[in-house]
Amino acid sequence: MIKTIKDYRDTLGDEGKEWLDYVLNYLKDQHSQYELVLFYKRPVLKINREIFLMMGGGKNHFSIYTTDFEYVEMIKAEKNKGLKFGKSAILFPLNRKDYMEKALRICDEVIRRAEK
């Protein structure tokens, strides 16, 4: 049963854990003013009442979900090779470590846009 972020982390494979740790450690360090909670059994950074960042892992990808749908569409328009998308999600292939920094920049941008 998933009751903590650690419990969620334990459900991921090694690469998923690496991505999750990388992003969560960055968010804790750079955006500690926002609360990191477990919501719908996933780690979520609550930015404001309308905007959040949710992190999740799959067998072959790491996902960042946000309620800033316009921003997801902007990233989609960049046509980054290998990225996949859902309405509110950006999916990073686990084997594309070169996209880890991009994941951090996406988090920063969503937060910056929400702070306006």
N, C-alpha and C. Protein backbone atom coordinates (compact mmCIF):
# COMPACT_ATOMS: atom_id res chain seq x y z
N MET A 1 0.84 -1.18 0.00
CA MET A 1 0.00 0.00 0.00
C MET A 1 0.88 1.25 0.00
N ILE A 2 0.50 2.22 -0.80
CA ILE A 2 1.28 3.44 -0.94
C ILE A 2 0.71 4.51 -0.01
N LYS A 3 1.50 4.84 1.03
CA LYS A 3 1.09 5.86 1.99
C LYS A 3 2.07 7.01 2.09
N THR A 4 3.27 6.83 1.53
CA THR A 4 4.30 7.87 1.59
C THR A 4 4.99 7.96 0.23
N ILE A 5 5.74 9.03 0.04
CA ILE A 5 6.51 9.17 -1.20
C ILE A 5 7.54 8.05 -1.31
N LYS A 6 8.11 7.65 -0.18
CA LYS A 6 9.06 6.53 -0.18
C LYS A 6 8.37 5.25 -0.65
N ASP A 7 7.14 5.02 -0.18
CA ASP A 7 6.39 3.84 -0.64
C ASP A 7 6.22 3.88 -2.16
N TYR A 8 5.89 5.06 -2.69
CA TYR A 8 5.73 5.19 -4.14
C TYR A 8 7.06 4.90 -4.84
N ARG A 9 8.13 5.49 -4.32
CA ARG A 9 9.45 5.29 -4.91
C ARG A 9 9.80 3.82 -4.99
N ASP A 10 9.43 3.07 -3.95
CA ASP A 10 9.73 1.64 -3.89
C ASP A 10 9.03 0.84 -4.99
N THR A 11 8.01 1.41 -5.62
CA THR A 11 7.31 0.70 -6.70
C THR A 11 8.02 0.84 -8.04
N LEU A 12 9.01 1.72 -8.12
CA LEU A 12 9.69 2.01 -9.38
C LEU A 12 10.92 1.13 -9.57
N GLY A 13 11.29 0.96 -10.83
CA GLY A 13 12.54 0.29 -11.15
C GLY A 13 13.70 1.23 -10.88
N ASP A 14 14.92 0.74 -11.06
CA ASP A 14 16.11 1.54 -10.76
C ASP A 14 16.16 2.85 -11.53
N GLU A 15 15.86 2.82 -12.83
CA GLU A 15 15.91 4.06 -13.62
C GLU A 15 14.82 5.03 -13.19
N GLY A 16 13.65 4.52 -12.88
CA GLY A 16 12.55 5.37 -12.40
C GLY A 16 12.91 6.02 -11.08
N LYS A 17 13.55 5.26 -10.19
CA LYS A 17 14.00 5.83 -8.92
C LYS A 17 15.03 6.93 -9.14
N GLU A 18 15.94 6.70 -10.09
CA GLU A 18 16.97 7.70 -10.39
C GLU A 18 16.32 9.01 -10.86
N TRP A 19 15.38 8.92 -11.77
CA TRP A 19 14.68 10.11 -12.26
C TRP A 19 13.90 10.78 -11.13
N LEU A 20 13.15 10.01 -10.38
CA LEU A 20 12.35 10.58 -9.30
C LEU A 20 13.23 11.27 -8.27
N ASP A 21 14.30 10.62 -7.85
CA ASP A 21 15.21 11.22 -6.88
C ASP A 21 15.82 12.51 -7.42
N TYR A 22 16.21 12.49 -8.67
CA TYR A 22 16.84 13.65 -9.28
C TYR A 22 15.88 14.85 -9.26
N VAL A 23 14.65 14.64 -9.69
CA VAL A 23 13.68 15.73 -9.76
C VAL A 23 13.24 16.16 -8.35
N LEU A 24 12.92 15.22 -7.49
CA LEU A 24 12.45 15.58 -6.15
C LEU A 24 13.54 16.28 -5.34
N ASN A 25 14.77 15.81 -5.43
CA ASN A 25 15.86 16.47 -4.71
C ASN A 25 16.04 17.91 -5.19
N TYR A 26 15.92 18.11 -6.48
CA TYR A 26 16.01 19.47 -7.03
C TYR A 26 14.87 20.34 -6.50
N LEU A 27 13.66 19.83 -6.55
CA LEU A 27 12.50 20.61 -6.09
C LEU A 27 12.61 20.94 -4.60
N LYS A 28 13.06 19.98 -3.81
CA LYS A 28 13.23 20.23 -2.37
C LYS A 28 14.29 21.30 -2.12
N ASP A 29 15.35 21.28 -2.93
CA ASP A 29 16.44 22.22 -2.76
C ASP A 29 16.10 23.61 -3.30
N GLN A 30 15.52 23.67 -4.48
CA GLN A 30 15.30 24.94 -5.16
C GLN A 30 13.93 25.57 -4.92
N HIS A 31 12.97 24.76 -4.52
CA HIS A 31 11.60 25.27 -4.37
C HIS A 31 10.98 24.78 -3.05
N SER A 32 11.76 24.87 -2.00
CA SER A 32 11.33 24.34 -0.70
C SER A 32 10.15 25.11 -0.10
N GLN A 33 9.83 26.26 -0.66
CA GLN A 33 8.69 27.03 -0.16
C GLN A 33 7.35 26.35 -0.49
N TYR A 34 7.39 25.37 -1.40
CA TYR A 34 6.17 24.66 -1.77
C TYR A 34 6.14 23.29 -1.12
N GLU A 35 4.95 22.87 -0.79
CA GLU A 35 4.76 21.61 -0.09
C GLU A 35 4.81 20.43 -1.06
N LEU A 36 5.56 19.42 -0.70
CA LEU A 36 5.64 18.18 -1.45
C LEU A 36 4.82 17.14 -0.70
N VAL A 37 3.78 16.62 -1.35
CA VAL A 37 2.86 15.71 -0.69
C VAL A 37 2.60 14.49 -1.57
N LEU A 38 1.96 13.51 -1.00
CA LEU A 38 1.48 12.37 -1.75
C LEU A 38 0.02 12.63 -2.08
N PHE A 39 -0.33 12.61 -3.36
CA PHE A 39 -1.69 12.88 -3.80
C PHE A 39 -2.00 11.89 -4.92
N TYR A 40 -3.12 11.21 -4.82
CA TYR A 40 -3.45 10.14 -5.76
C TYR A 40 -2.30 9.14 -5.87
N LYS A 41 -1.66 8.88 -4.73
CA LYS A 41 -0.57 7.91 -4.62
C LYS A 41 0.66 8.27 -5.45
N ARG A 42 0.83 9.58 -5.72
CA ARG A 42 2.00 10.08 -6.45
C ARG A 42 2.57 11.31 -5.75
N PRO A 43 3.88 11.56 -5.91
CA PRO A 43 4.48 12.77 -5.35
C PRO A 43 3.98 14.00 -6.10
N VAL A 44 3.55 15.01 -5.35
CA VAL A 44 3.01 16.23 -5.94
C VAL A 44 3.61 17.44 -5.23
N LEU A 45 4.04 18.42 -6.04
CA LEU A 45 4.45 19.70 -5.51
C LEU A 45 3.28 20.65 -5.70
N LYS A 46 2.71 21.11 -4.58
CA LYS A 46 1.57 22.02 -4.62
C LYS A 46 2.10 23.44 -4.75
N ILE A 47 1.82 24.08 -5.88
CA ILE A 47 2.32 25.43 -6.14
C ILE A 47 1.28 26.46 -5.71
N ASN A 48 0.06 26.28 -6.16
CA ASN A 48 -1.05 27.11 -5.70
C ASN A 48 -2.34 26.30 -5.85
N ARG A 49 -3.46 26.92 -5.64
CA ARG A 49 -4.72 26.16 -5.67
C ARG A 49 -5.02 25.53 -7.02
N GLU A 50 -4.54 26.14 -8.10
CA GLU A 50 -4.85 25.64 -9.43
C GLU A 50 -3.72 24.85 -10.09
N ILE A 51 -2.49 25.14 -9.72
CA ILE A 51 -1.34 24.56 -10.42
C ILE A 51 -0.53 23.66 -9.49
N PHE A 52 -0.19 22.50 -10.02
CA PHE A 52 0.68 21.59 -9.29
C PHE A 52 1.59 20.87 -10.28
N LEU A 53 2.60 20.21 -9.75
CA LEU A 53 3.45 19.29 -10.51
C LEU A 53 3.33 17.92 -9.86
N MET A 54 3.01 16.92 -10.65
CA MET A 54 2.93 15.55 -10.15
C MET A 54 3.98 14.73 -10.90
N MET A 55 4.71 13.91 -10.17
CA MET A 55 5.73 13.07 -10.77
C MET A 55 5.29 11.61 -10.73
N GLY A 56 5.64 10.90 -11.80
CA GLY A 56 5.28 9.50 -11.84
C GLY A 56 6.22 8.73 -12.74
N GLY A 57 6.29 7.46 -12.49
CA GLY A 57 7.15 6.61 -13.30
C GLY A 57 6.37 5.48 -13.92
N GLY A 58 6.83 5.05 -15.05
CA GLY A 58 6.27 3.90 -15.73
C GLY A 58 7.39 2.93 -16.05
N LYS A 59 7.04 1.89 -16.76
CA LYS A 59 8.03 0.88 -17.10
C LYS A 59 9.16 1.46 -17.95
N ASN A 60 8.79 2.37 -18.86
CA ASN A 60 9.78 2.92 -19.80
C ASN A 60 9.91 4.43 -19.77
N HIS A 61 9.18 5.09 -18.88
CA HIS A 61 9.20 6.55 -18.88
C HIS A 61 9.05 7.13 -17.48
N PHE A 62 9.43 8.41 -17.36
CA PHE A 62 9.19 9.22 -16.18
C PHE A 62 8.28 10.35 -16.63
N SER A 63 7.26 10.64 -15.85
CA SER A 63 6.28 11.65 -16.25
C SER A 63 6.23 12.82 -15.28
N ILE A 64 6.02 13.98 -15.86
CA ILE A 64 5.69 15.18 -15.09
C ILE A 64 4.31 15.61 -15.57
N TYR A 65 3.38 15.65 -14.64
CA TYR A 65 2.01 16.10 -14.92
C TYR A 65 1.85 17.49 -14.33
N THR A 66 1.12 18.34 -15.04
CA THR A 66 0.81 19.65 -14.51
C THR A 66 -0.57 20.08 -14.96
N THR A 67 -1.19 20.92 -14.19
CA THR A 67 -2.47 21.49 -14.58
C THR A 67 -2.28 22.74 -15.43
N ASP A 68 -1.05 23.09 -15.77
CA ASP A 68 -0.77 24.17 -16.71
C ASP A 68 -0.78 23.57 -18.12
N PHE A 69 -1.97 23.30 -18.62
CA PHE A 69 -2.15 22.62 -19.90
C PHE A 69 -1.53 23.42 -21.06
N GLU A 70 -1.61 24.73 -20.99
CA GLU A 70 -1.03 25.58 -22.03
C GLU A 70 0.47 25.36 -22.13
N TYR A 71 1.12 25.21 -20.98
CA TYR A 71 2.56 24.99 -20.98
C TYR A 71 2.90 23.63 -21.60
N VAL A 72 2.12 22.61 -21.30
CA VAL A 72 2.36 21.29 -21.90
C VAL A 72 2.28 21.40 -23.42
N GLU A 73 1.31 22.15 -23.92
CA GLU A 73 1.18 22.34 -25.38
C GLU A 73 2.39 23.08 -25.95
N MET A 74 2.94 24.03 -25.21
CA MET A 74 4.14 24.75 -25.66
C MET A 74 5.33 23.79 -25.79
N ILE A 75 5.50 22.92 -24.82
CA ILE A 75 6.60 21.95 -24.86
C ILE A 75 6.38 20.97 -26.02
N LYS A 76 5.15 20.57 -26.20
CA LYS A 76 4.80 19.66 -27.31
C LYS A 76 5.18 20.28 -28.65
N ALA A 77 4.95 21.57 -28.81
CA ALA A 77 5.25 22.27 -30.06
C ALA A 77 6.75 22.34 -30.35
N GLU A 78 7.58 22.15 -29.33
CA GLU A 78 9.04 22.16 -29.54
C GLU A 78 9.53 20.93 -30.30
N LYS A 79 8.70 19.90 -30.33
CA LYS A 79 9.02 18.66 -31.05
C LYS A 79 10.36 18.05 -30.60
N ASN A 80 10.51 17.86 -29.29
CA ASN A 80 11.69 17.20 -28.74
C ASN A 80 11.62 15.72 -29.05
N LYS A 81 12.61 15.23 -29.74
CA LYS A 81 12.64 13.83 -30.15
C LYS A 81 12.61 12.91 -28.92
N GLY A 82 11.69 11.98 -28.92
CA GLY A 82 11.61 11.00 -27.84
C GLY A 82 10.60 11.33 -26.75
N LEU A 83 10.21 12.60 -26.62
CA LEU A 83 9.21 12.96 -25.62
C LEU A 83 7.82 12.56 -26.12
N LYS A 84 7.00 12.11 -25.19
CA LYS A 84 5.60 11.82 -25.49
C LYS A 84 4.75 12.68 -24.58
N PHE A 85 3.48 12.78 -24.90
CA PHE A 85 2.61 13.69 -24.18
C PHE A 85 1.23 13.11 -23.94
N GLY A 86 0.64 13.56 -22.85
CA GLY A 86 -0.77 13.39 -22.57
C GLY A 86 -1.33 14.79 -22.43
N LYS A 87 -2.61 14.92 -22.14
CA LYS A 87 -3.20 16.26 -22.00
C LYS A 87 -2.46 17.07 -20.95
N SER A 88 -2.09 16.43 -19.86
CA SER A 88 -1.43 17.15 -18.78
C SER A 88 -0.05 16.59 -18.46
N ALA A 89 0.48 15.74 -19.32
CA ALA A 89 1.71 15.03 -18.99
C ALA A 89 2.78 15.18 -20.06
N ILE A 90 4.01 15.23 -19.58
CA ILE A 90 5.19 15.16 -20.43
C ILE A 90 5.92 13.89 -20.01
N LEU A 91 6.11 12.98 -20.94
CA LEU A 91 6.72 11.68 -20.65
C LEU A 91 8.13 11.63 -21.21
N PHE A 92 9.08 11.39 -20.32
CA PHE A 92 10.49 11.32 -20.68
C PHE A 92 10.93 9.86 -20.73
N PRO A 93 11.54 9.41 -21.82
CA PRO A 93 12.05 8.04 -21.86
C PRO A 93 13.12 7.85 -20.78
N LEU A 94 13.02 6.78 -20.02
CA LEU A 94 13.97 6.54 -18.94
C LEU A 94 15.41 6.48 -19.43
N ASN A 95 15.59 6.00 -20.64
CA ASN A 95 16.96 5.84 -21.15
C ASN A 95 17.55 7.13 -21.71
N ARG A 96 16.81 8.23 -21.66
CA ARG A 96 17.29 9.52 -22.16
C ARG A 96 17.71 10.41 -21.00
N LYS A 97 18.83 10.07 -20.37
CA LYS A 97 19.33 10.84 -19.23
C LYS A 97 19.64 12.29 -19.63
N ASP A 98 19.89 12.50 -20.93
CA ASP A 98 20.15 13.86 -21.40
C ASP A 98 18.93 14.76 -21.23
N TYR A 99 17.76 14.20 -21.00
CA TYR A 99 16.55 14.98 -20.78
C TYR A 99 16.29 15.29 -19.29
N MET A 100 17.14 14.80 -18.41
CA MET A 100 16.91 15.04 -16.98
C MET A 100 16.97 16.53 -16.65
N GLU A 101 17.92 17.25 -17.22
CA GLU A 101 18.00 18.69 -16.99
C GLU A 101 16.78 19.40 -17.56
N LYS A 102 16.29 18.93 -18.70
CA LYS A 102 15.09 19.53 -19.29
C LYS A 102 13.90 19.35 -18.34
N ALA A 103 13.83 18.22 -17.68
CA ALA A 103 12.75 17.99 -16.71
C ALA A 103 12.80 19.03 -15.60
N LEU A 104 13.99 19.36 -15.14
CA LEU A 104 14.14 20.39 -14.10
C LEU A 104 13.71 21.75 -14.62
N ARG A 105 14.12 22.08 -15.85
CA ARG A 105 13.74 23.37 -16.44
C ARG A 105 12.23 23.48 -16.62
N ILE A 106 11.60 22.37 -16.96
CA ILE A 106 10.13 22.35 -17.10
C ILE A 106 9.49 22.64 -15.75
N CYS A 107 9.99 22.00 -14.70
CA CYS A 107 9.46 22.27 -13.36
C CYS A 107 9.62 23.75 -13.01
N ASP A 108 10.81 24.29 -13.27
CA ASP A 108 11.06 25.72 -12.99
C ASP A 108 10.08 26.61 -13.74
N GLU A 109 9.86 26.31 -15.01
CA GLU A 109 8.97 27.15 -15.82
C GLU A 109 7.52 27.09 -15.35
N VAL A 110 7.05 25.90 -15.01
CA VAL A 110 5.68 25.77 -14.51
C VAL A 110 5.53 26.58 -13.23
N ILE A 111 6.51 26.49 -12.35
CA ILE A 111 6.47 27.24 -11.09
C ILE A 111 6.51 28.73 -11.36
N ARG A 112 7.41 29.17 -12.23
CA ARG A 112 7.53 30.60 -12.57
C ARG A 112 6.21 31.12 -13.14
N ARG A 113 5.61 30.38 -14.04
CA ARG A 113 4.33 30.80 -14.64
C ARG A 113 3.22 30.88 -13.59
N ALA A 114 3.23 29.97 -12.63
CA ALA A 114 2.19 29.94 -11.60
C ALA A 114 2.36 31.09 -10.61
N GLU A 115 3.58 31.57 -10.45
CA GLU A 115 3.85 32.65 -9.50
C GLU A 115 3.44 34.02 -10.02
N LYS A 116 3.16 34.13 -11.29
CA LYS A 116 2.80 35.43 -11.89
C LYS A 116 1.49 35.95 -11.35
